[in-house]
């Protein structure tokens, strides 16, 4: 699986042009056709950051929201769910460790 396929897996249901996904990936430091490394914390975090960028882009585009029609879900419900997912991704990304981070959750604060 490559990075663009992993991003599509993370953003299921959101239809974007392949070129747009490539730009989002490159903006977050990923090459779209490189192999996705599931063991790399940096790679996973970059995919989540890219998914967050995609969701924020959808949230900022009212035209995209008008085109989304699901069974009994209105646009306002879609926006509320989208906002909740964005908040969830922000929290997840902030809590994620990277390959370079230390194992300690303690930091020193000098006054």
PDB file of N, CA and C in Angstrom:
ATOM      1  N   UNK A   1       0.847  -1.172   0.000  1.00  0.00           N
ATOM      2  CA  UNK A   1       0.000   0.000   0.000  1.00  0.00           C
ATOM      3  C   UNK A   1       0.897   1.240   0.000  1.00  0.00           C
ATOM      4  N   UNK A   2       0.551   2.202  -0.853  1.00  0.00           N
ATOM      5  CA  UNK A   2       1.345   3.428  -0.870  1.00  0.00           C
ATOM      6  C   UNK A   2       0.634   4.524  -0.066  1.00  0.00           C
ATOM      7  N   UNK A   3       1.290   5.668   0.070  1.00  0.00           N
ATOM      8  CA  UNK A   3       0.767   6.748   0.916  1.00  0.00           C
ATOM      9  C   UNK A   3      -0.582   7.272   0.438  1.00  0.00           C
ATOM     10  N   UNK A   4      -0.776   7.375  -0.855  1.00  0.00           N
ATOM     11  CA  UNK A   4      -2.036   7.914  -1.360  1.00  0.00           C
ATOM     12  C   UNK A   4      -3.189   6.939  -1.090  1.00  0.00           C
ATOM     13  N   UNK A   5      -2.921   5.652  -1.158  1.00  0.00           N
ATOM     14  CA  UNK A   5      -3.945   4.660  -0.840  1.00  0.00           C
ATOM     15  C   UNK A   5      -4.291   4.709   0.648  1.00  0.00           C
ATOM     16  N   UNK A   6      -3.291   4.915   1.487  1.00  0.00           N
ATOM     17  CA  UNK A   6      -3.529   5.010   2.935  1.00  0.00           C
ATOM     18  C   UNK A   6      -4.343   6.257   3.261  1.00  0.00           C
ATOM     19  N   UNK A   7      -4.065   7.363   2.576  1.00  0.00           N
ATOM     20  CA  UNK A   7      -4.835   8.588   2.780  1.00  0.00           C
ATOM     21  C   UNK A   7      -6.281   8.386   2.348  1.00  0.00           C
ATOM     22  N   UNK A   8      -6.482   7.725   1.220  1.00  0.00           N
ATOM     23  CA  UNK A   8      -7.847   7.440   0.766  1.00  0.00           C
ATOM     24  C   UNK A   8      -8.583   6.563   1.767  1.00  0.00           C
ATOM     25  N   UNK A   9      -7.865   5.652   2.407  1.00  0.00           N
ATOM     26  CA  UNK A   9      -8.467   4.806   3.430  1.00  0.00           C
ATOM     27  C   UNK A   9      -8.897   5.638   4.644  1.00  0.00           C
ATOM     28  N   UNK A  10      -8.111   6.626   4.988  1.00  0.00           N
ATOM     29  CA  UNK A  10      -8.396   7.483   6.140  1.00  0.00           C
ATOM     30  C   UNK A  10      -9.524   8.466   5.855  1.00  0.00           C
ATOM     31  N   UNK A  11      -9.723   8.826   4.592  1.00  0.00           N
ATOM     32  CA  UNK A  11     -10.744   9.823   4.234  1.00  0.00           C
ATOM     33  C   UNK A  11     -11.834   9.202   3.360  1.00  0.00           C
ATOM     34  N   UNK A  12     -12.262   8.018   3.711  1.00  0.00           N
ATOM     35  CA  UNK A  12     -13.309   7.337   2.937  1.00  0.00           C
ATOM     36  C   UNK A  12     -14.550   8.211   2.839  1.00  0.00           C
ATOM     37  N   UNK A  13     -15.170   8.175   1.684  1.00  0.00           N
ATOM     38  CA  UNK A  13     -16.403   8.921   1.475  1.00  0.00           C
ATOM     39  C   UNK A  13     -16.189  10.329   0.963  1.00  0.00           C
ATOM     40  N   UNK A  14     -14.969  10.805   0.972  1.00  0.00           N
ATOM     41  CA  UNK A  14     -14.667  12.136   0.454  1.00  0.00           C
ATOM     42  C   UNK A  14     -13.974  11.951  -0.887  1.00  0.00           C
ATOM     43  N   UNK A  15     -14.653  12.386  -1.922  1.00  0.00           N
ATOM     44  CA  UNK A  15     -14.142  12.204  -3.277  1.00  0.00           C
ATOM     45  C   UNK A  15     -13.369  13.449  -3.704  1.00  0.00           C
ATOM     46  N   UNK A  16     -12.067  13.301  -3.840  1.00  0.00           N
ATOM     47  CA  UNK A  16     -11.214  14.377  -4.325  1.00  0.00           C
ATOM     48  C   UNK A  16     -10.409  13.876  -5.509  1.00  0.00           C
ATOM     49  N   UNK A  17     -10.015  14.790  -6.351  1.00  0.00           N
ATOM     50  CA  UNK A  17      -9.175  14.476  -7.496  1.00  0.00           C
ATOM     51  C   UNK A  17      -7.825  13.946  -7.000  1.00  0.00           C
ATOM     52  N   UNK A  18      -7.267  13.010  -7.736  1.00  0.00           N
ATOM     53  CA  UNK A  18      -5.972  12.403  -7.376  1.00  0.00           C
ATOM     54  C   UNK A  18      -4.885  13.466  -7.228  1.00  0.00           C
ATOM     55  N   UNK A  19      -4.899  14.480  -8.085  1.00  0.00           N
ATOM     56  CA  UNK A  19      -3.887  15.541  -8.025  1.00  0.00           C
ATOM     57  C   UNK A  19      -4.007  16.335  -6.717  1.00  0.00           C
ATOM     58  N   UNK A  20      -5.229  16.561  -6.264  1.00  0.00           N
ATOM     59  CA  UNK A  20      -5.416  17.270  -5.004  1.00  0.00           C
ATOM     60  C   UNK A  20      -4.841  16.467  -3.843  1.00  0.00           C
ATOM     61  N   UNK A  21      -5.086  15.165  -3.827  1.00  0.00           N
ATOM     62  CA  UNK A  21      -4.542  14.317  -2.767  1.00  0.00           C
ATOM     63  C   UNK A  21      -3.017  14.331  -2.782  1.00  0.00           C
ATOM     64  N   UNK A  22      -2.445  14.338  -3.976  1.00  0.00           N
ATOM     65  CA  UNK A  22      -0.984  14.381  -4.100  1.00  0.00           C
ATOM     66  C   UNK A  22      -0.444  15.673  -3.490  1.00  0.00           C
ATOM     67  N   UNK A  23      -1.099  16.781  -3.751  1.00  0.00           N
ATOM     68  CA  UNK A  23      -0.659  18.066  -3.192  1.00  0.00           C
ATOM     69  C   UNK A  23      -0.740  18.052  -1.677  1.00  0.00           C
ATOM     70  N   UNK A  24      -1.850  17.550  -1.132  1.00  0.00           N
ATOM     71  CA  UNK A  24      -1.980  17.459   0.327  1.00  0.00           C
ATOM     72  C   UNK A  24      -0.866  16.609   0.927  1.00  0.00           C
ATOM     73  N   UNK A  25      -0.566  15.477   0.301  1.00  0.00           N
ATOM     74  CA  UNK A  25       0.501  14.615   0.808  1.00  0.00           C
ATOM     75  C   UNK A  25       1.856  15.307   0.761  1.00  0.00           C
ATOM     76  N   UNK A  26       2.149  15.969  -0.353  1.00  0.00           N
ATOM     77  CA  UNK A  26       3.438  16.639  -0.487  1.00  0.00           C
ATOM     78  C   UNK A  26       3.572  17.795   0.503  1.00  0.00           C
ATOM     79  N   UNK A  27       2.475  18.480   0.783  1.00  0.00           N
ATOM     80  CA  UNK A  27       2.515  19.571   1.765  1.00  0.00           C
ATOM     81  C   UNK A  27       2.845  19.054   3.164  1.00  0.00           C
ATOM     82  N   UNK A  28       2.567  17.798   3.421  1.00  0.00           N
ATOM     83  CA  UNK A  28       2.859  17.204   4.722  1.00  0.00           C
ATOM     84  C   UNK A  28       4.095  16.317   4.686  1.00  0.00           C
ATOM     85  N   UNK A  29       4.917  16.492   3.660  1.00  0.00           N
ATOM     86  CA  UNK A  29       6.216  15.821   3.604  1.00  0.00           C
ATOM     87  C   UNK A  29       6.183  14.370   3.158  1.00  0.00           C
ATOM     88  N   UNK A  30       5.123  13.948   2.487  1.00  0.00           N
ATOM     89  CA  UNK A  30       5.032  12.565   2.021  1.00  0.00           C
ATOM     90  C   UNK A  30       5.030  12.514   0.500  1.00  0.00           C
ATOM     91  N   UNK A  31       5.666  11.494  -0.013  1.00  0.00           N
ATOM     92  CA  UNK A  31       5.617  11.250  -1.456  1.00  0.00           C
ATOM     93  C   UNK A  31       4.450  10.290  -1.692  1.00  0.00           C
ATOM     94  N   UNK A  32       3.538  10.644  -2.598  1.00  0.00           N
ATOM     95  CA  UNK A  32       2.299   9.887  -2.743  1.00  0.00           C
ATOM     96  C   UNK A  32       2.470   8.420  -3.135  1.00  0.00           C
ATOM     97  N   UNK A  33       3.480   8.108  -3.928  1.00  0.00           N
ATOM     98  CA  UNK A  33       3.618   6.741  -4.428  1.00  0.00           C
ATOM     99  C   UNK A  33       4.679   5.940  -3.683  1.00  0.00           C
ATOM    100  N   UNK A  34       5.231   6.515  -2.606  1.00  0.00           N
ATOM    101  CA  UNK A  34       6.147   5.751  -1.755  1.00  0.00           C
ATOM    102  C   UNK A  34       5.339   4.760  -0.927  1.00  0.00           C
ATOM    103  N   UNK A  35       5.996   3.690  -0.545  1.00  0.00           N
ATOM    104  CA  UNK A  35       5.347   2.659   0.263  1.00  0.00           C
ATOM    105  C   UNK A  35       5.009   3.213   1.650  1.00  0.00           C
ATOM    106  N   UNK A  36       3.790   2.959   2.110  1.00  0.00           N
ATOM    107  CA  UNK A  36       3.377   3.393   3.443  1.00  0.00           C
ATOM    108  C   UNK A  36       4.042   2.489   4.468  1.00  0.00           C
ATOM    109  N   UNK A  37       4.727   3.102   5.429  1.00  0.00           N
ATOM    110  CA  UNK A  37       5.415   2.360   6.466  1.00  0.00           C
ATOM    111  C   UNK A  37       4.586   2.433   7.742  1.00  0.00           C
ATOM    112  N   UNK A  38       3.843   1.385   8.040  1.00  0.00           N
ATOM    113  CA  UNK A  38       2.942   1.375   9.190  1.00  0.00           C
ATOM    114  C   UNK A  38       3.685   1.385  10.520  1.00  0.00           C
ATOM    115  N   UNK A  39       4.948   0.993  10.522  1.00  0.00           N
ATOM    116  CA  UNK A  39       5.702   0.974  11.776  1.00  0.00           C
ATOM    117  C   UNK A  39       6.328   2.322  12.104  1.00  0.00           C
ATOM    118  N   UNK A  40       6.354   3.227  11.140  1.00  0.00           N
ATOM    119  CA  UNK A  40       6.940   4.549  11.359  1.00  0.00           C
ATOM    120  C   UNK A  40       5.910   5.487  11.976  1.00  0.00           C
ATOM    121  N   UNK A  41       6.215   5.976  13.168  1.00  0.00           N
ATOM    122  CA  UNK A  41       5.321   6.921  13.836  1.00  0.00           C
ATOM    123  C   UNK A  41       5.235   8.233  13.066  1.00  0.00           C
ATOM    124  N   UNK A  42       6.345   8.644  12.459  1.00  0.00           N
ATOM    125  CA  UNK A  42       6.353   9.873  11.659  1.00  0.00           C
ATOM    126  C   UNK A  42       5.422   9.745  10.453  1.00  0.00           C
ATOM    127  N   UNK A  43       5.467   8.593   9.788  1.00  0.00           N
ATOM    128  CA  UNK A  43       4.636   8.368   8.615  1.00  0.00           C
ATOM    129  C   UNK A  43       3.160   8.366   8.995  1.00  0.00           C
ATOM    130  N   UNK A  44       2.827   7.702  10.074  1.00  0.00           N
ATOM    131  CA  UNK A  44       1.437   7.647  10.529  1.00  0.00           C
ATOM    132  C   UNK A  44       0.932   9.037  10.910  1.00  0.00           C
ATOM    133  N   UNK A  45       1.764   9.795  11.607  1.00  0.00           N
ATOM    134  CA  UNK A  45       1.377  11.142  12.014  1.00  0.00           C
ATOM    135  C   UNK A  45       1.182  12.036  10.786  1.00  0.00           C
ATOM    136  N   UNK A  46       2.051  11.897   9.791  1.00  0.00           N
ATOM    137  CA  UNK A  46       1.932  12.701   8.574  1.00  0.00           C
ATOM    138  C   UNK A  46       0.651  12.356   7.807  1.00  0.00           C
ATOM    139  N   UNK A  47       0.264  11.088   7.788  1.00  0.00           N
ATOM    140  CA  UNK A  47      -0.986  10.686   7.141  1.00  0.00           C
ATOM    141  C   UNK A  47      -2.163  11.322   7.865  1.00  0.00           C
ATOM    142  N   UNK A  48      -2.157  11.290   9.201  1.00  0.00           N
ATOM    143  CA  UNK A  48      -3.236  11.905   9.980  1.00  0.00           C
ATOM    144  C   UNK A  48      -3.281  13.414   9.743  1.00  0.00           C
ATOM    145  N   UNK A  49      -2.112  14.060   9.667  1.00  0.00           N
ATOM    146  CA  UNK A  49      -2.080  15.495   9.411  1.00  0.00           C
ATOM    147  C   UNK A  49      -2.620  15.808   8.014  1.00  0.00           C
ATOM    148  N   UNK A  50      -2.327  14.943   7.060  1.00  0.00           N
ATOM    149  CA  UNK A  50      -2.843  15.131   5.710  1.00  0.00           C
ATOM    150  C   UNK A  50      -4.349  14.947   5.679  1.00  0.00           C
ATOM    151  N   UNK A  51      -4.851  13.940   6.380  1.00  0.00           N
ATOM    152  CA  UNK A  51      -6.298  13.720   6.466  1.00  0.00           C
ATOM    153  C   UNK A  51      -6.971  14.923   7.120  1.00  0.00           C
ATOM    154  N   UNK A  52      -6.332  15.490   8.119  1.00  0.00           N
ATOM    155  CA  UNK A  52      -6.853  16.686   8.776  1.00  0.00           C
ATOM    156  C   UNK A  52      -6.915  17.847   7.788  1.00  0.00           C
ATOM    157  N   UNK A  53      -5.902  18.005   6.973  1.00  0.00           N
ATOM    158  CA  UNK A  53      -5.896  19.059   5.950  1.00  0.00           C
ATOM    159  C   UNK A  53      -7.039  18.877   4.964  1.00  0.00           C
ATOM    160  N   UNK A  54      -7.270  17.632   4.562  1.00  0.00           N
ATOM    161  CA  UNK A  54      -8.361  17.341   3.631  1.00  0.00           C
ATOM    162  C   UNK A  54      -9.705  17.689   4.269  1.00  0.00           C
ATOM    163  N   UNK A  55      -9.911  17.276   5.513  1.00  0.00           N
ATOM    164  CA  UNK A  55     -11.181  17.545   6.190  1.00  0.00           C
ATOM    165  C   UNK A  55     -11.403  19.036   6.407  1.00  0.00           C
ATOM    166  N   UNK A  56     -10.333  19.761   6.751  1.00  0.00           N
ATOM    167  CA  UNK A  56     -10.459  21.214   6.917  1.00  0.00           C
ATOM    168  C   UNK A  56     -10.811  21.869   5.593  1.00  0.00           C
ATOM    169  N   UNK A  57     -10.260  21.364   4.509  1.00  0.00           N
ATOM    170  CA  UNK A  57     -10.569  21.895   3.192  1.00  0.00           C
ATOM    171  C   UNK A  57     -12.038  21.666   2.847  1.00  0.00           C
ATOM    172  N   UNK A  58     -12.543  20.499   3.158  1.00  0.00           N
ATOM    173  CA  UNK A  58     -13.952  20.197   2.916  1.00  0.00           C
ATOM    174  C   UNK A  58     -14.830  21.096   3.778  1.00  0.00           C
ATOM    175  N   UNK A  59     -14.440  21.299   5.028  1.00  0.00           N
ATOM    176  CA  UNK A  59     -15.229  22.136   5.940  1.00  0.00           C
ATOM    177  C   UNK A  59     -15.257  23.589   5.495  1.00  0.00           C
ATOM    178  N   UNK A  60     -14.234  24.034   4.785  1.00  0.00           N
ATOM    179  CA  UNK A  60     -14.157  25.414   4.329  1.00  0.00           C
ATOM    180  C   UNK A  60     -14.783  25.630   2.956  1.00  0.00           C
ATOM    181  N   UNK A  61     -15.326  24.582   2.379  1.00  0.00           N
ATOM    182  CA  UNK A  61     -15.885  24.684   1.036  1.00  0.00           C
ATOM    183  C   UNK A  61     -17.379  24.359   1.064  1.00  0.00           C
ATOM    184  N   UNK A  62     -18.229  25.361   1.160  1.00  0.00           N
ATOM    185  CA  UNK A  62     -19.673  25.109   1.217  1.00  0.00           C
ATOM    186  C   UNK A  62     -20.210  24.398  -0.021  1.00  0.00           C
ATOM    187  N   UNK A  63     -19.572  24.586  -1.163  1.00  0.00           N
ATOM    188  CA  UNK A  63     -20.021  23.910  -2.378  1.00  0.00           C
ATOM    189  C   UNK A  63     -19.903  22.394  -2.244  1.00  0.00           C
ATOM    190  N   UNK A  64     -18.820  21.936  -1.632  1.00  0.00           N
ATOM    191  CA  UNK A  64     -18.656  20.499  -1.427  1.00  0.00           C
ATOM    192  C   UNK A  64     -19.729  19.966  -0.495  1.00  0.00           C
ATOM    193  N   UNK A  65     -20.078  20.747   0.519  1.00  0.00           N
ATOM    194  CA  UNK A  65     -21.084  20.285   1.465  1.00  0.00           C
ATOM    195  C   UNK A  65     -22.460  20.219   0.825  1.00  0.00           C
ATOM    196  N   UNK A  66     -22.727  21.080  -0.138  1.00  0.00           N
ATOM    197  CA  UNK A  66     -24.022  21.046  -0.816  1.00  0.00           C
ATOM    198  C   UNK A  66     -24.188  19.768  -1.626  1.00  0.00           C
ATOM    199  N   UNK A  67     -23.083  19.251  -2.148  1.00  0.00           N
ATOM    200  CA  UNK A  67     -23.155  18.078  -3.002  1.00  0.00           C
ATOM    201  C   UNK A  67     -23.253  16.773  -2.218  1.00  0.00           C
ATOM    202  N   UNK A  68     -22.970  16.823  -0.934  1.00  0.00           N
ATOM    203  CA  UNK A  68     -22.992  15.600  -0.136  1.00  0.00           C
ATOM    204  C   UNK A  68     -24.413  15.336   0.325  1.00  0.00           C
ATOM    205  N   UNK A  69     -24.975  14.229  -0.136  1.00  0.00           N
ATOM    206  CA  UNK A  69     -26.331  13.849   0.254  1.00  0.00           C
ATOM    207  C   UNK A  69     -26.294  12.405   0.698  1.00  0.00           C
ATOM    208  N   UNK A  70     -26.633  12.189   1.932  1.00  0.00           N
ATOM    209  CA  UNK A  70     -26.687  10.843   2.475  1.00  0.00           C
ATOM    210  C   UNK A  70     -28.084  10.633   3.031  1.00  0.00           C
ATOM    211  N   UNK A  71     -28.505   9.428   3.111  1.00  0.00           N
ATOM    212  CA  UNK A  71     -29.850   9.023   3.512  1.00  0.00           C
ATOM    213  C   UNK A  71     -30.661  10.117   4.185  1.00  0.00           C
ATOM    214  N   UNK A  72     -30.597  10.221   5.494  1.00  0.00           N
ATOM    215  CA  UNK A  72     -31.408  11.185   6.235  1.00  0.00           C
ATOM    216  C   UNK A  72     -30.565  12.286   6.865  1.00  0.00           C
ATOM    217  N   UNK A  73     -29.328  12.444   6.441  1.00  0.00           N
ATOM    218  CA  UNK A  73     -28.431  13.407   7.060  1.00  0.00           C
ATOM    219  C   UNK A  73     -28.507  14.741   6.332  1.00  0.00           C
ATOM    220  N   UNK A  74     -28.725  15.798   7.089  1.00  0.00           N
ATOM    221  CA  UNK A  74     -28.755  17.129   6.489  1.00  0.00           C
ATOM    222  C   UNK A  74     -27.347  17.698   6.442  1.00  0.00           C
ATOM    223  N   UNK A  75     -27.209  18.840   5.773  1.00  0.00           N
ATOM    224  CA  UNK A  75     -25.902  19.487   5.675  1.00  0.00           C
ATOM    225  C   UNK A  75     -25.409  19.909   7.055  1.00  0.00           C
ATOM    226  N   UNK A  76     -26.314  20.390   7.916  1.00  0.00           N
ATOM    227  CA  UNK A  76     -25.878  20.829   9.250  1.00  0.00           C
ATOM    228  C   UNK A  76     -25.370  19.642  10.064  1.00  0.00           C
ATOM    229  N   UNK A  77     -26.033  18.481   9.944  1.00  0.00           N
ATOM    230  CA  UNK A  77     -25.550  17.296  10.645  1.00  0.00           C
ATOM    231  C   UNK A  77     -24.200  16.865  10.091  1.00  0.00           C
ATOM    232  N   UNK A  78     -24.047  16.949   8.789  1.00  0.00           N
ATOM    233  CA  UNK A  78     -22.767  16.605   8.178  1.00  0.00           C
ATOM    234  C   UNK A  78     -21.670  17.516   8.710  1.00  0.00           C
ATOM    235  N   UNK A  79     -21.961  18.823   8.792  1.00  0.00           N
ATOM    236  CA  UNK A  79     -20.966  19.767   9.276  1.00  0.00           C
ATOM    237  C   UNK A  79     -20.614  19.495  10.734  1.00  0.00           C
ATOM    238  N   UNK A  80     -21.601  19.175  11.557  1.00  0.00           N
ATOM    239  CA  UNK A  80     -21.333  18.860  12.967  1.00  0.00           C
ATOM    240  C   UNK A  80     -20.450  17.620  13.080  1.00  0.00           C
ATOM    241  N   UNK A  81     -20.761  16.587  12.315  1.00  0.00           N
ATOM    242  CA  UNK A  81     -19.946  15.369  12.340  1.00  0.00           C
ATOM    243  C   UNK A  81     -18.543  15.627  11.825  1.00  0.00           C
ATOM    244  N   UNK A  82     -18.434  16.446  10.800  1.00  0.00           N
ATOM    245  CA  UNK A  82     -17.134  16.794  10.239  1.00  0.00           C
ATOM    246  C   UNK A  82     -16.303  17.562  11.264  1.00  0.00           C
ATOM    247  N   UNK A  83     -16.926  18.502  11.941  1.00  0.00           N
ATOM    248  CA  UNK A  83     -16.234  19.280  12.965  1.00  0.00           C
ATOM    249  C   UNK A  83     -15.768  18.379  14.109  1.00  0.00           C
ATOM    250  N   UNK A  84     -16.583  17.443  14.511  1.00  0.00           N
ATOM    251  CA  UNK A  84     -16.190  16.503  15.566  1.00  0.00           C
ATOM    252  C   UNK A  84     -15.000  15.664  15.125  1.00  0.00           C
ATOM    253  N   UNK A  85     -15.001  15.224  13.877  1.00  0.00           N
ATOM    254  CA  UNK A  85     -13.882  14.423  13.364  1.00  0.00           C
ATOM    255  C   UNK A  85     -12.602  15.250  13.296  1.00  0.00           C
ATOM    256  N   UNK A  86     -12.719  16.509  12.910  1.00  0.00           N
ATOM    257  CA  UNK A  86     -11.550  17.390  12.866  1.00  0.00           C
ATOM    258  C   UNK A  86     -10.981  17.568  14.270  1.00  0.00           C
ATOM    259  N   UNK A  87     -11.845  17.819  15.239  1.00  0.00           N
ATOM    260  CA  UNK A  87     -11.398  17.962  16.630  1.00  0.00           C
ATOM    261  C   UNK A  87     -10.733  16.688  17.135  1.00  0.00           C
ATOM    262  N   UNK A  88     -11.311  15.553  16.783  1.00  0.00           N
ATOM    263  CA  UNK A  88     -10.751  14.266  17.191  1.00  0.00           C
ATOM    264  C   UNK A  88      -9.358  14.070  16.584  1.00  0.00           C
ATOM    265  N   UNK A  89      -9.204  14.424  15.304  1.00  0.00           N
ATOM    266  CA  UNK A  89      -7.897  14.285  14.660  1.00  0.00           C
ATOM    267  C   UNK A  89      -6.863  15.217  15.288  1.00  0.00           C
ATOM    268  N   UNK A  90      -7.268  16.477  15.595  1.00  0.00           N
ATOM    269  CA  UNK A  90      -6.354  17.399  16.271  1.00  0.00           C
ATOM    270  C   UNK A  90      -5.837  16.779  17.562  1.00  0.00           C
ATOM    271  N   UNK A  91      -6.740  16.247  18.354  1.00  0.00           N
ATOM    272  CA  UNK A  91      -6.363  15.657  19.641  1.00  0.00           C
ATOM    273  C   UNK A  91      -5.444  14.455  19.438  1.00  0.00           C
ATOM    274  N   UNK A  92      -5.782  13.602  18.485  1.00  0.00           N
ATOM    275  CA  UNK A  92      -4.968  12.417  18.208  1.00  0.00           C
ATOM    276  C   UNK A  92      -3.565  12.807  17.768  1.00  0.00           C
ATOM    277  N   UNK A  93      -3.462  13.790  16.875  1.00  0.00           N
ATOM    278  CA  UNK A  93      -2.158  14.225  16.373  1.00  0.00           C
ATOM    279  C   UNK A  93      -1.314  14.824  17.495  1.00  0.00           C
ATOM    280  N   UNK A  94      -1.927  15.638  18.354  1.00  0.00           N
ATOM    281  CA  UNK A  94      -1.182  16.229  19.467  1.00  0.00           C
ATOM    282  C   UNK A  94      -0.630  15.175  20.416  1.00  0.00           C
ATOM    283  N   UNK A  95      -1.353  14.081  20.589  1.00  0.00           N
ATOM    284  CA  UNK A  95      -0.935  13.045  21.525  1.00  0.00           C
ATOM    285  C   UNK A  95       0.012  12.018  20.918  1.00  0.00           C
ATOM    286  N   UNK A  96       0.150  12.017  19.600  1.00  0.00           N
ATOM    287  CA  UNK A  96       1.005  11.029  18.942  1.00  0.00           C
ATOM    288  C   UNK A  96       2.478  11.336  19.183  1.00  0.00           C
ATOM    289  N   UNK A  97       3.230  10.278  19.366  1.00  0.00           N
ATOM    290  CA  UNK A  97       4.680  10.415  19.465  1.00  0.00           C
ATOM    291  C   UNK A  97       5.268  10.285  18.063  1.00  0.00           C
ATOM    292  N   UNK A  98       6.494  10.734  17.916  1.00  0.00           N
ATOM    293  CA  UNK A  98       7.199  10.584  16.650  1.00  0.00           C
ATOM    294  C   UNK A  98       8.364   9.628  16.849  1.00  0.00           C
ATOM    295  N   UNK A  99       9.009   9.268  15.751  1.00  0.00           N
ATOM    296  CA  UNK A  99      10.144   8.352  15.836  1.00  0.00           C
ATOM    297  C   UNK A  99      11.290   8.953  16.648  1.00  0.00           C
ATOM    298  N   UNK A 100      11.402  10.282  16.676  1.00  0.00           N
ATOM    299  CA  UNK A 100      12.504  10.926  17.387  1.00  0.00           C
ATOM    300  C   UNK A 100      12.162  11.269  18.830  1.00  0.00           C
ATOM    301  N   UNK A 101      10.901  11.192  19.208  1.00  0.00           N
ATOM    302  CA  UNK A 101      10.533  11.613  20.558  1.00  0.00           C
ATOM    303  C   UNK A 101      11.039  10.614  21.584  1.00  0.00           C
ATOM    304  N   UNK A 102      11.314  11.127  22.757  1.00  0.00           N
ATOM    305  CA  UNK A 102      11.809  10.261  23.825  1.00  0.00           C
ATOM    306  C   UNK A 102      10.640   9.499  24.435  1.00  0.00           C
ATOM    307  N   UNK A 103      10.945   8.503  25.217  1.00  0.00           N
ATOM    308  CA  UNK A 103       9.914   7.680  25.840  1.00  0.00           C
ATOM    309  C   UNK A 103       9.312   8.343  27.068  1.00  0.00           C
ATOM    310  N   UNK A 104       9.890   9.411  27.514  1.00  0.00           N
ATOM    311  CA  UNK A 104       9.433  10.083  28.718  1.00  0.00           C
ATOM    312  C   UNK A 104       8.374  11.121  28.414  1.00  0.00           C
ATOM    313  N   UNK A 105       7.331  11.146  29.210  1.00  0.00           N
ATOM    314  CA  UNK A 105       6.290  12.150  29.076  1.00  0.00           C
ATOM    315  C   UNK A 105       6.521  13.299  30.041  1.00  0.00           C
ATOM    316  N   UNK A 106       7.666  13.325  30.690  1.00  0.00           N
ATOM    317  CA  UNK A 106       7.993  14.355  31.671  1.00  0.00           C
ATOM    318  C   UNK A 106       8.873  15.416  31.016  1.00  0.00           C
ATOM    319  N   UNK A 107       8.608  16.684  31.331  1.00  0.00           N
ATOM    320  CA  UNK A 107       9.466  17.755  30.844  1.00  0.00           C
ATOM    321  C   UNK A 107       9.801  18.660  32.019  1.00  0.00           C
ATOM    322  N   UNK A 108      10.891  19.362  31.881  1.00  0.00           N
ATOM    323  CA  UNK A 108      11.358  20.233  32.965  1.00  0.00           C
ATOM    324  C   UNK A 108      10.870  21.649  32.714  1.00  0.00           C
ATOM    325  N   UNK A 109      10.366  22.256  33.742  1.00  0.00           N
ATOM    326  CA  UNK A 109       9.910  23.618  33.653  1.00  0.00           C
ATOM    327  C   UNK A 109      10.697  24.433  34.681  1.00  0.00           C
ATOM    328  N   UNK A 110      11.462  25.407  34.208  1.00  0.00           N
ATOM    329  CA  UNK A 110      12.262  26.238  35.092  1.00  0.00           C
ATOM    330  C   UNK A 110      11.608  27.597  35.197  1.00  0.00           C
ATOM    331  N   UNK A 111      11.478  28.073  36.376  1.00  0.00           N
ATOM    332  CA  UNK A 111      10.910  29.393  36.611  1.00  0.00           C
ATOM    333  C   UNK A 111      11.966  30.407  36.903  1.00  0.00           C
TER     334      UNK A 111
END
